[in-house]
Protein backbone atom coordinates (compact mmCIF):
# COMPACT_ATOMS: atom_id res chain seq x y z
CA MET A 1 78.44 91.79 104.39
CA THR A 2 75.35 90.45 102.72
CA ASP A 3 75.78 86.72 101.73
CA TRP A 4 75.49 88.27 97.94
CA LEU A 5 78.61 90.52 97.90
CA ALA A 6 80.57 87.86 99.68
CA ARG A 7 80.12 85.37 96.80
CA LEU A 8 80.60 88.07 94.08
CA ARG A 9 83.77 89.11 95.61
CA ASP A 10 84.94 85.04 95.88
CA ASP A 11 83.91 84.57 92.43
CA LEU A 12 86.22 87.78 91.19
CA ILE A 13 88.91 86.48 93.48
CA ALA A 14 89.00 83.23 92.30
CA ILE A 15 88.79 83.84 88.68
CA THR A 16 91.24 86.81 88.63
CA THR A 17 93.71 84.68 90.59
CA ASP A 18 93.72 81.76 88.03
CA ALA A 19 94.14 84.09 85.20
CA ALA A 20 96.88 86.07 87.31
CA ARG A 21 99.08 83.17 87.72
CA VAL A 22 100.11 82.96 84.30
CA ILE A 23 101.00 86.46 84.24
CA TRP A 24 102.74 87.12 87.68
CA ARG A 25 103.77 83.64 88.41
CA GLY A 26 104.38 82.92 91.98
CA VAL A 27 107.77 81.38 93.52
CA PRO A 28 107.60 78.49 94.19
CA ASP A 29 105.22 76.94 92.27
CA GLY A 30 102.21 76.89 93.62
CA ALA A 31 102.37 80.18 95.21
CA PRO A 32 99.86 83.08 94.67
CA PRO A 33 100.59 85.20 91.82
CA TYR A 34 102.63 88.41 93.02
CA PHE A 35 100.29 90.56 91.32
CA ASN A 36 96.83 90.53 90.50
CA TYR A 37 95.90 93.31 88.26
CA ARG A 38 92.75 92.83 87.41
CA LEU A 39 91.64 92.23 91.39
CA GLU A 40 93.22 95.67 92.35
CA HIS A 41 91.61 97.39 89.55
CA VAL A 42 88.10 96.70 91.05
CA ARG A 43 89.18 97.01 94.51
CA GLN A 44 89.67 100.63 93.85
CA VAL A 45 86.71 100.73 91.78
CA GLU A 46 85.17 99.73 94.82
CA ARG A 47 86.81 102.50 97.23
CA ASP A 48 86.12 105.15 94.48
CA ALA A 49 82.52 104.22 94.54
CA LEU A 50 82.01 104.07 97.68
CA ARG A 51 83.55 107.43 98.13
CA LEU A 52 81.47 108.82 95.18
CA LEU A 53 78.40 107.54 96.69
CA ASP A 54 78.76 109.41 100.11
CA ARG A 55 79.26 112.77 97.75
CA VAL A 56 76.74 112.39 94.88
CA GLY A 57 74.20 109.30 96.40
CA GLY A 58 72.58 106.40 94.56
CA ASP A 59 71.86 102.71 95.68
CA ARG A 60 74.99 100.94 97.62
CA ASP A 61 73.39 97.69 96.39
CA VAL A 62 73.26 98.28 92.72
CA VAL A 63 76.72 100.34 92.44
CA LEU A 64 78.56 97.49 94.40
CA ALA A 65 76.93 94.21 92.57
CA SER A 66 77.81 96.37 89.35
CA VAL A 67 81.33 97.07 91.01
CA TRP A 68 82.04 93.33 91.61
CA LEU A 69 80.60 92.04 88.50
CA HIS A 70 81.43 94.80 85.63
CA ASP A 71 85.06 93.22 84.93
CA ARG A 72 83.74 89.43 85.61
CA PHE A 73 84.65 88.59 82.11
CA LYS A 74 87.67 90.49 82.01
CA PRO A 75 89.79 88.56 84.25
CA GLN A 76 93.26 90.32 83.44
CA HIS A 77 93.83 92.50 80.49
CA ILE A 78 91.82 90.53 77.53
CA GLY A 79 88.22 90.10 77.84
CA ASP A 80 85.91 90.02 74.47
CA HIS A 81 82.70 91.80 74.61
CA HIS A 82 82.85 91.71 78.58
CA ALA A 83 80.40 94.33 79.25
CA ALA A 84 77.74 92.71 77.42
CA ARG A 85 78.80 89.37 79.10
CA ALA A 86 78.41 90.71 82.65
CA GLY A 87 75.20 92.15 81.67
CA GLU A 88 74.00 88.85 80.52
CA TRP A 89 75.30 86.89 83.35
CA ALA A 90 73.75 89.41 85.87
CA ARG A 91 70.65 88.62 84.24
CA ALA A 92 70.53 85.33 84.46
CA ASN A 93 72.51 84.42 87.98
CA LEU A 94 71.83 87.36 90.13
CA ALA A 95 68.85 86.51 91.86
CA ALA A 96 70.30 83.03 92.89
CA TYR A 97 72.85 84.85 94.63
CA GLY A 98 70.36 86.68 96.95
CA PHE A 99 70.64 90.11 95.32
CA PRO A 100 67.22 91.89 95.29
CA PRO A 101 65.21 91.20 92.21
CA GLU A 102 63.76 94.70 91.74
CA LYS A 103 67.44 96.13 91.41
CA ILE A 104 68.69 93.85 88.92
CA ALA A 105 68.17 95.54 86.01
CA ARG A 106 69.84 98.70 86.91
CA VAL A 107 72.71 96.54 87.60
CA ILE A 108 72.42 95.12 84.46
CA PHE A 109 72.22 98.37 82.77
CA ALA A 110 75.50 99.69 84.62
CA VAL A 111 77.32 96.80 84.12
CA ALA A 112 76.68 96.16 80.20
CA ASN A 113 77.62 100.07 79.42
CA HIS A 114 80.77 100.70 81.61
CA SER A 115 82.31 100.49 78.69
CA ARG A 116 80.67 103.19 76.71
CA ALA A 117 82.22 106.41 75.41
CA PRO A 118 81.86 109.79 77.68
CA GLY A 119 78.98 111.60 77.98
CA ALA A 120 77.02 108.17 76.63
CA LEU A 121 74.81 107.78 79.68
CA PRO A 122 71.47 109.12 80.55
CA ASP A 123 70.26 111.57 83.29
CA ASP A 124 68.12 108.77 84.88
CA ALA A 125 71.13 106.02 85.00
CA PRO A 126 72.94 107.69 88.13
CA ASP A 127 74.55 104.43 89.33
CA ALA A 128 75.53 103.55 86.14
CA ARG A 129 77.52 106.88 85.83
CA VAL A 130 78.83 106.24 89.17
CA LEU A 131 80.08 103.12 88.16
CA TRP A 132 81.61 104.84 85.22
CA ASP A 133 83.58 107.13 86.98
CA ALA A 134 84.81 105.33 89.32
CA ASP A 135 86.26 102.93 86.91
CA LYS A 136 87.73 105.78 85.11
CA VAL A 137 89.30 107.38 87.88
CA GLY A 138 91.25 104.69 89.19
CA LYS A 139 93.08 104.57 86.25
CA VAL A 140 94.43 108.21 86.78
CA GLY A 141 97.48 109.37 89.29
CA ALA A 142 100.11 107.23 91.51
CA LEU A 143 98.09 104.18 90.91
CA GLU A 144 97.98 104.23 87.16
CA ILE A 145 101.98 104.37 87.80
CA VAL A 146 101.79 100.90 89.81
CA MET A 147 99.84 99.36 87.85
CA PHE A 148 101.72 100.06 84.63
CA LEU A 149 104.94 98.76 86.33
CA ALA A 150 103.53 96.05 88.07
CA GLY A 151 101.68 94.97 84.68
CA ASN A 152 104.48 95.14 82.74
CA PRO A 153 105.28 91.45 82.56
CA ALA A 154 101.49 90.85 80.71
CA PHE A 155 103.20 92.87 77.76
CA PRO A 156 106.79 91.16 77.30
CA HIS A 157 107.11 92.44 73.75
CA LYS A 158 107.47 95.89 74.98
CA PRO A 159 110.39 95.72 76.82
CA ASN A 160 111.00 99.18 78.97
CA THR A 161 114.22 101.58 79.66
CA PHE A 162 113.66 104.61 82.19
CA ALA A 163 113.29 106.77 79.30
CA THR A 164 110.51 104.60 77.61
CA ILE A 165 108.82 104.29 81.14
CA ALA A 166 109.37 108.44 81.35
CA GLN A 167 107.90 108.99 77.89
CA HIS A 168 104.95 106.47 78.22
CA GLY A 169 103.79 108.76 81.22
CA PHE A 170 104.40 111.91 79.47
CA ASP A 171 102.52 110.85 76.07
CA LYS A 172 99.25 109.95 78.62
CA VAL A 173 99.24 113.50 80.63
CA ASP A 174 97.71 115.83 77.92
CA GLY A 175 95.20 112.86 76.76
CA ASP A 176 94.32 112.41 80.59
CA GLU A 177 93.53 116.22 81.08
CA LEU A 178 90.92 115.55 78.35
CA PHE A 179 89.50 112.49 79.45
CA ILE A 180 88.85 114.09 82.99
CA ALA A 181 86.98 116.81 81.80
CA GLN A 182 84.16 114.13 80.20
CA PHE A 183 83.42 112.97 83.78
CA TYR A 184 80.17 112.83 84.89
CA PHE A 185 80.22 114.15 88.25
CA ALA A 186 82.50 117.18 89.95
CA PRO A 187 84.11 114.99 92.61
CA THR A 188 85.50 112.23 90.14
CA ARG A 189 86.85 115.15 87.99
CA GLU A 190 88.24 117.18 90.88
CA TRP A 191 90.09 113.68 92.39
CA ALA A 192 91.29 112.78 88.58
CA ARG A 193 93.16 116.26 88.50
CA GLU A 194 94.65 115.73 91.90
CA ARG A 195 95.67 112.36 90.88
CA LEU A 196 96.88 113.72 87.58
CA ALA A 197 98.98 116.42 89.40
CA ALA A 198 100.61 113.70 91.57
CA LYS A 199 101.41 111.38 88.27
CA ARG A 200 102.93 114.53 86.33
CA ALA A 201 105.35 115.37 88.89
CA PHE A 202 106.60 111.71 89.41
CA TYR A 203 106.90 111.41 85.55
CA THR A 204 108.74 114.99 85.50
CA ALA A 205 111.46 113.97 88.53
CA LEU A 206 111.97 110.84 86.49
CA ALA A 207 112.81 112.89 83.30
CA ARG A 208 115.23 115.36 85.59
CA GLU A 209 117.19 112.21 87.17
CA ILE A 210 117.91 110.52 83.89
CA GLY A 211 118.09 113.78 81.97
CA LEU A 212 115.57 113.58 79.47
CA ASP A 213 115.10 116.66 77.74
CA GLN A 214 110.55 116.77 77.60
CA ASN A 215 111.12 119.23 74.93
CA GLY A 216 112.93 116.97 72.75
């Protein structure tokens, strides 16, 4: 692993762990948090981004730097203007980490625009598109279910029952199908549809087991 990538990863682990301790307090006091949503999300973005690079090509350095920077200013669920702030940080600091200077502008663009609406990224920004798709496809499927359940302590004002969990899943399925169609790359659309099928199967089984009538 290159030094700049190791440093970016170490930074994010520290940033997200400190924030996670507030939400997912470990036992006993001082123990690591029992969950770290943001870190797990970014690790999945990296896995999906590398897999996508193998299929569609792109600059590995730009994509990996973008992956580990894009949520630097969103340590858990809250981060105002986090995309723009990540871009500003990259402009000011990435060269000092040893990252190739000639590639920094593409990292800045990718992280600053990863939260834009579907279809907003131009054809000549393939690395930014890889980050966008990888960031979104990791939020569909079995991973989404785990993130929702494990992340629930971050939203104590929204207590859950089996029925509300099942309904939450069904409420999102139709929207997910529309969203998937707007991914930039065919492979991510394919993976997302596979993951959505797994998600639908889980919530269908849950509804059946608790006797929830999906048709009202």
